[in-house]
Amino acid sequence: MRVLIVEDEPNLGQQLKNTLEGAGYAIDLAVDGEEGLFLGQTESYDAIVLDLGLPEIDGLTVLDRWRKEGRTTPVLVLTARDSWSDKVAGLDAGADDYVAKPFQTEELIARLRALIRRASGNASSELTAGDVRLDTRSGKVTRAGEPVKLTAQEYKLLSYLLHHKGKVVSRTELIEHIYDQDFDRDSNTIEVFVTRIRKKLGQDVITTIRGLGYSLEDPDA
């Protein structure tokens, strides 16, 4: 899952970036509203963390412009602790949730997980396909109850396919959502990760749709 953070406080922005990367997300960090607006318009994200008090262009204006352009990416806004008016304004502008500063990073991560799940139509924190289970809270993957160890990139790819179970996902879409902006993106690595996942979880867990991409479905679907 790929997340954009728009935060002008350097320490907080870097802390969020490091924490979310540690939780398995690909992160882009923008330090003002202008850069954040541009990235939100030109890159693909599974969720956005948006501070409202930004230089150049304030967060409410950025959010309002995204929504007026028809961009539906889930947005979690960061607000001042006692500013109920900011919370109301953010929700009215199209935010999906908010966290008040100061906050615990565990809460922010949990809210992000929930936003991403809901956006892809998944209510549970456990994603399944047949006997394969991925727990988004713990980051653990099992097959038939037995733990399976995946690398960070294998986990990201499997997680994205499980979030979009039953849909055909192109290589380009996978690249856009499992790598951050600065990563040297190579579509050939997707095939390598798919091959590794099949070796660990079974050859039939991911289906190649020739010329289109990959699909992951329940065996009895």
Protein backbone atom coordinates (compact mmCIF):
# COMPACT_ATOMS: atom_id res chain seq x y z
CA MET A 1 0.00 0.00 0.00
CA ARG A 2 1.28 3.44 -0.93
CA VAL A 3 0.60 6.46 1.28
CA LEU A 4 1.24 10.18 0.82
CA ILE A 5 2.07 12.24 3.93
CA VAL A 6 1.65 16.01 3.66
CA GLU A 7 3.20 17.52 6.79
CA ASP A 8 5.32 20.65 7.16
CA GLU A 9 6.81 19.87 10.59
CA PRO A 10 10.12 18.15 9.64
CA ASN A 11 10.43 15.99 12.76
CA LEU A 12 6.82 14.81 12.71
CA GLY A 13 6.85 14.21 8.97
CA GLN A 14 10.00 12.10 9.13
CA GLN A 15 8.74 10.23 12.19
CA LEU A 16 5.51 9.34 10.40
CA LYS A 17 7.41 8.31 7.28
CA ASN A 18 9.77 6.04 9.23
CA THR A 19 6.94 4.51 11.29
CA LEU A 20 4.70 3.79 8.31
CA GLU A 21 7.58 2.38 6.28
CA GLY A 22 8.31 0.12 9.24
CA ALA A 23 4.67 -1.00 9.09
CA GLY A 24 5.09 -2.03 5.45
CA TYR A 25 3.82 1.03 3.56
CA ALA A 26 5.54 2.76 0.64
CA ILE A 27 5.69 6.45 1.63
CA ASP A 28 6.04 9.76 -0.19
CA LEU A 29 6.49 12.86 1.99
CA ALA A 30 5.47 16.38 0.92
CA VAL A 31 6.41 19.34 3.13
CA ASP A 32 3.94 21.97 1.92
CA GLY A 33 0.49 22.24 0.38
CA GLU A 34 1.69 22.98 -3.12
CA GLU A 35 3.85 19.86 -3.33
CA GLY A 36 1.16 17.77 -1.64
CA LEU A 37 -1.51 18.98 -4.06
CA PHE A 38 0.70 18.15 -7.05
CA LEU A 39 1.58 14.65 -5.83
CA GLY A 40 -2.06 13.90 -5.03
CA GLN A 41 -2.99 14.96 -8.57
CA THR A 42 -0.24 13.07 -10.40
CA GLU A 43 0.54 9.93 -8.37
CA SER A 44 -1.56 6.95 -7.25
CA TYR A 45 -2.06 6.45 -3.51
CA ASP A 46 -4.08 4.10 -1.35
CA ALA A 47 -4.45 6.75 1.36
CA ILE A 48 -3.26 10.26 2.23
CA VAL A 49 -2.33 11.77 5.62
CA LEU A 50 -2.93 15.51 5.34
CA ASP A 51 -2.04 18.20 7.88
CA LEU A 52 -4.44 21.14 7.71
CA GLY A 53 -1.98 23.86 8.76
CA LEU A 54 0.31 23.86 5.73
CA PRO A 55 2.41 26.62 4.10
CA GLU A 56 1.89 27.67 0.45
CA ILE A 57 -1.61 26.15 0.23
CA ASP A 58 -3.55 25.18 3.38
CA GLY A 59 -4.73 21.60 3.83
CA LEU A 60 -8.44 22.37 3.50
CA THR A 61 -7.88 24.01 0.12
CA VAL A 62 -5.75 21.07 -1.04
CA LEU A 63 -8.43 18.58 0.03
CA ASP A 64 -11.23 20.62 -1.51
CA ARG A 65 -9.39 20.78 -4.86
CA TRP A 66 -8.74 17.02 -4.89
CA ARG A 67 -12.40 16.28 -4.25
CA LYS A 68 -13.63 18.78 -6.85
CA GLU A 69 -11.33 17.07 -9.37
CA GLY A 70 -13.05 13.78 -8.56
CA ARG A 71 -10.17 12.21 -6.63
CA THR A 72 -11.56 9.68 -4.16
CA THR A 73 -8.39 8.55 -2.38
CA PRO A 74 -9.13 8.14 1.36
CA VAL A 75 -7.79 11.13 3.31
CA LEU A 76 -7.00 11.25 7.02
CA VAL A 77 -6.51 14.82 8.27
CA LEU A 78 -4.31 15.91 11.17
CA THR A 79 -5.88 18.63 13.32
CA ALA A 80 -4.98 20.67 16.40
CA ARG A 81 -6.08 18.92 19.60
CA ASP A 82 -8.90 21.27 20.63
CA SER A 83 -9.91 22.58 17.23
CA TRP A 84 -13.35 21.02 16.74
CA SER A 85 -13.98 23.52 13.94
CA ASP A 86 -11.01 22.11 11.99
CA LYS A 87 -12.43 18.60 12.39
CA VAL A 88 -15.83 19.68 11.09
CA ALA A 89 -14.32 21.68 8.23
CA GLY A 90 -12.07 18.78 7.23
CA LEU A 91 -14.92 16.27 7.18
CA ASP A 92 -17.13 18.70 5.26
CA ALA A 93 -14.35 19.21 2.70
CA GLY A 94 -14.20 15.48 2.01
CA ALA A 95 -11.89 13.97 4.64
CA ASP A 96 -12.66 10.36 5.58
CA ASP A 97 -11.28 10.52 9.13
CA TYR A 98 -9.15 12.68 11.41
CA VAL A 99 -6.56 12.39 14.18
CA ALA A 100 -5.96 15.22 16.65
CA LYS A 101 -2.42 16.24 17.58
CA PRO A 102 -0.66 15.03 19.64
CA PHE A 103 -1.52 11.45 18.76
CA GLN A 104 -0.21 7.93 19.16
CA THR A 105 1.22 6.56 15.92
CA GLU A 106 -0.49 3.23 16.65
CA GLU A 107 -3.87 4.96 16.42
CA LEU A 108 -2.96 6.67 13.15
CA ILE A 109 -1.79 3.37 11.62
CA ALA A 110 -4.98 1.62 12.77
CA ARG A 111 -7.14 4.35 11.24
CA LEU A 112 -5.17 4.18 7.97
CA ARG A 113 -5.63 0.41 7.82
CA ALA A 114 -9.38 0.86 8.33
CA LEU A 115 -9.61 3.55 5.62
CA ILE A 116 -7.77 1.40 3.10
CA ARG A 117 -9.87 -1.67 3.95
CA ARG A 118 -13.14 0.21 3.59
CA ALA A 119 -12.04 1.81 0.31
CA SER A 120 -11.44 -1.66 -1.17
CA GLY A 121 -14.65 -3.13 0.28
CA ASN A 122 -13.05 -5.14 3.11
CA ALA A 123 -14.58 -4.86 6.58
CA SER A 124 -12.26 -7.24 8.42
CA SER A 125 -8.62 -6.69 9.33
CA GLU A 126 -7.96 -10.26 8.12
CA LEU A 127 -7.76 -10.67 4.36
CA THR A 128 -8.29 -14.18 3.02
CA ALA A 129 -8.22 -16.18 -0.19
CA GLY A 130 -8.85 -19.88 0.33
CA ASP A 131 -6.54 -21.05 3.11
CA VAL A 132 -4.25 -18.00 2.75
CA ARG A 133 -4.70 -15.38 5.47
CA LEU A 134 -3.05 -12.00 5.89
CA ASP A 135 -3.55 -10.12 9.17
CA THR A 136 -3.15 -6.40 8.46
CA ARG A 137 -2.74 -5.66 12.19
CA SER A 138 0.17 -8.00 12.86
CA GLY A 139 1.55 -8.28 9.33
CA LYS A 140 1.50 -12.07 9.61
CA VAL A 141 0.69 -14.38 6.70
CA THR A 142 -0.43 -17.98 7.10
CA ARG A 143 -1.42 -20.82 4.80
CA ALA A 144 -3.63 -23.55 6.26
CA GLY A 145 -2.77 -22.13 9.68
CA GLU A 146 0.98 -22.40 9.17
CA PRO A 147 3.04 -19.17 9.24
CA VAL A 148 4.67 -18.11 5.97
CA LYS A 149 7.60 -15.73 5.93
CA LEU A 150 7.52 -13.09 3.18
CA THR A 151 9.93 -10.31 2.34
CA ALA A 152 8.67 -6.72 2.65
CA GLN A 153 8.00 -6.39 -1.08
CA GLU A 154 6.35 -9.82 -1.32
CA TYR A 155 4.07 -8.81 1.56
CA LYS A 156 3.16 -5.50 -0.10
CA LEU A 157 2.31 -7.22 -3.38
CA LEU A 158 0.22 -9.94 -1.73
CA SER A 159 -1.54 -7.38 0.46
CA TYR A 160 -2.47 -5.24 -2.54
CA LEU A 161 -3.85 -8.22 -4.46
CA LEU A 162 -5.84 -9.38 -1.42
CA HIS A 163 -7.27 -5.88 -0.94
CA HIS A 164 -8.43 -6.09 -4.57
CA LYS A 165 -9.42 -9.76 -4.60
CA GLY A 166 -11.35 -10.80 -7.69
CA LYS A 167 -10.04 -7.93 -9.81
CA VAL A 168 -7.36 -7.97 -12.50
CA VAL A 169 -4.46 -5.77 -11.40
CA SER A 170 -1.94 -4.63 -14.01
CA ARG A 171 1.82 -4.61 -13.49
CA THR A 172 1.75 -0.82 -13.76
CA GLU A 173 -0.82 -0.54 -10.97
CA LEU A 174 1.19 -2.83 -8.74
CA ILE A 175 4.36 -0.83 -9.36
CA GLU A 176 2.53 2.43 -8.54
CA HIS A 177 1.18 1.09 -5.26
CA ILE A 178 4.03 -0.95 -3.76
CA TYR A 179 6.93 1.42 -4.50
CA ASP A 180 7.41 4.99 -3.36
CA GLN A 181 8.13 7.83 -5.78
CA ASP A 182 11.94 7.62 -5.53
CA PHE A 183 12.24 3.87 -6.05
CA ASP A 184 13.79 2.67 -9.32
CA ARG A 185 10.68 0.98 -10.66
CA ASP A 186 11.18 -2.08 -12.84
CA SER A 187 8.18 -4.12 -13.97
CA ASN A 188 10.35 -7.25 -14.18
CA THR A 189 10.64 -7.31 -10.39
CA ILE A 190 6.87 -7.84 -10.14
CA GLU A 191 7.22 -11.18 -11.95
CA VAL A 192 10.04 -12.13 -9.58
CA PHE A 193 7.90 -11.37 -6.51
CA VAL A 194 4.91 -13.26 -7.94
CA THR A 195 7.12 -16.30 -8.59
CA ARG A 196 8.46 -16.19 -5.03
CA ILE A 197 4.97 -15.88 -3.54
CA ARG A 198 3.76 -18.85 -5.59
CA LYS A 199 6.65 -20.95 -4.30
CA LYS A 200 5.70 -20.08 -0.71
CA LEU A 201 1.90 -20.14 -0.95
CA GLY A 202 1.16 -22.39 -3.93
CA GLN A 203 1.27 -22.03 -7.69
CA ASP A 204 -2.47 -21.38 -7.96
CA VAL A 205 -2.68 -18.54 -5.42
CA ILE A 206 -2.04 -15.82 -8.05
CA THR A 207 -3.37 -16.14 -11.60
CA THR A 208 -1.59 -14.48 -14.51
CA ILE A 209 -4.04 -12.87 -16.94
CA ARG A 210 -1.98 -12.72 -20.12
CA GLY A 211 -1.57 -9.19 -21.43
CA LEU A 212 -3.50 -7.67 -18.51
CA GLY A 213 -1.82 -8.49 -15.21
CA TYR A 214 -2.60 -10.62 -12.17
CA SER A 215 -5.63 -11.76 -10.24
CA LEU A 216 -6.15 -13.35 -6.84
CA GLU A 217 -9.43 -15.09 -6.09
CA ASP A 218 -10.94 -17.62 -3.71
CA PRO A 219 -10.46 -21.14 -5.13
CA ASP A 220 -14.22 -21.80 -4.97
CA ALA A 221 -15.20 -18.44 -6.50
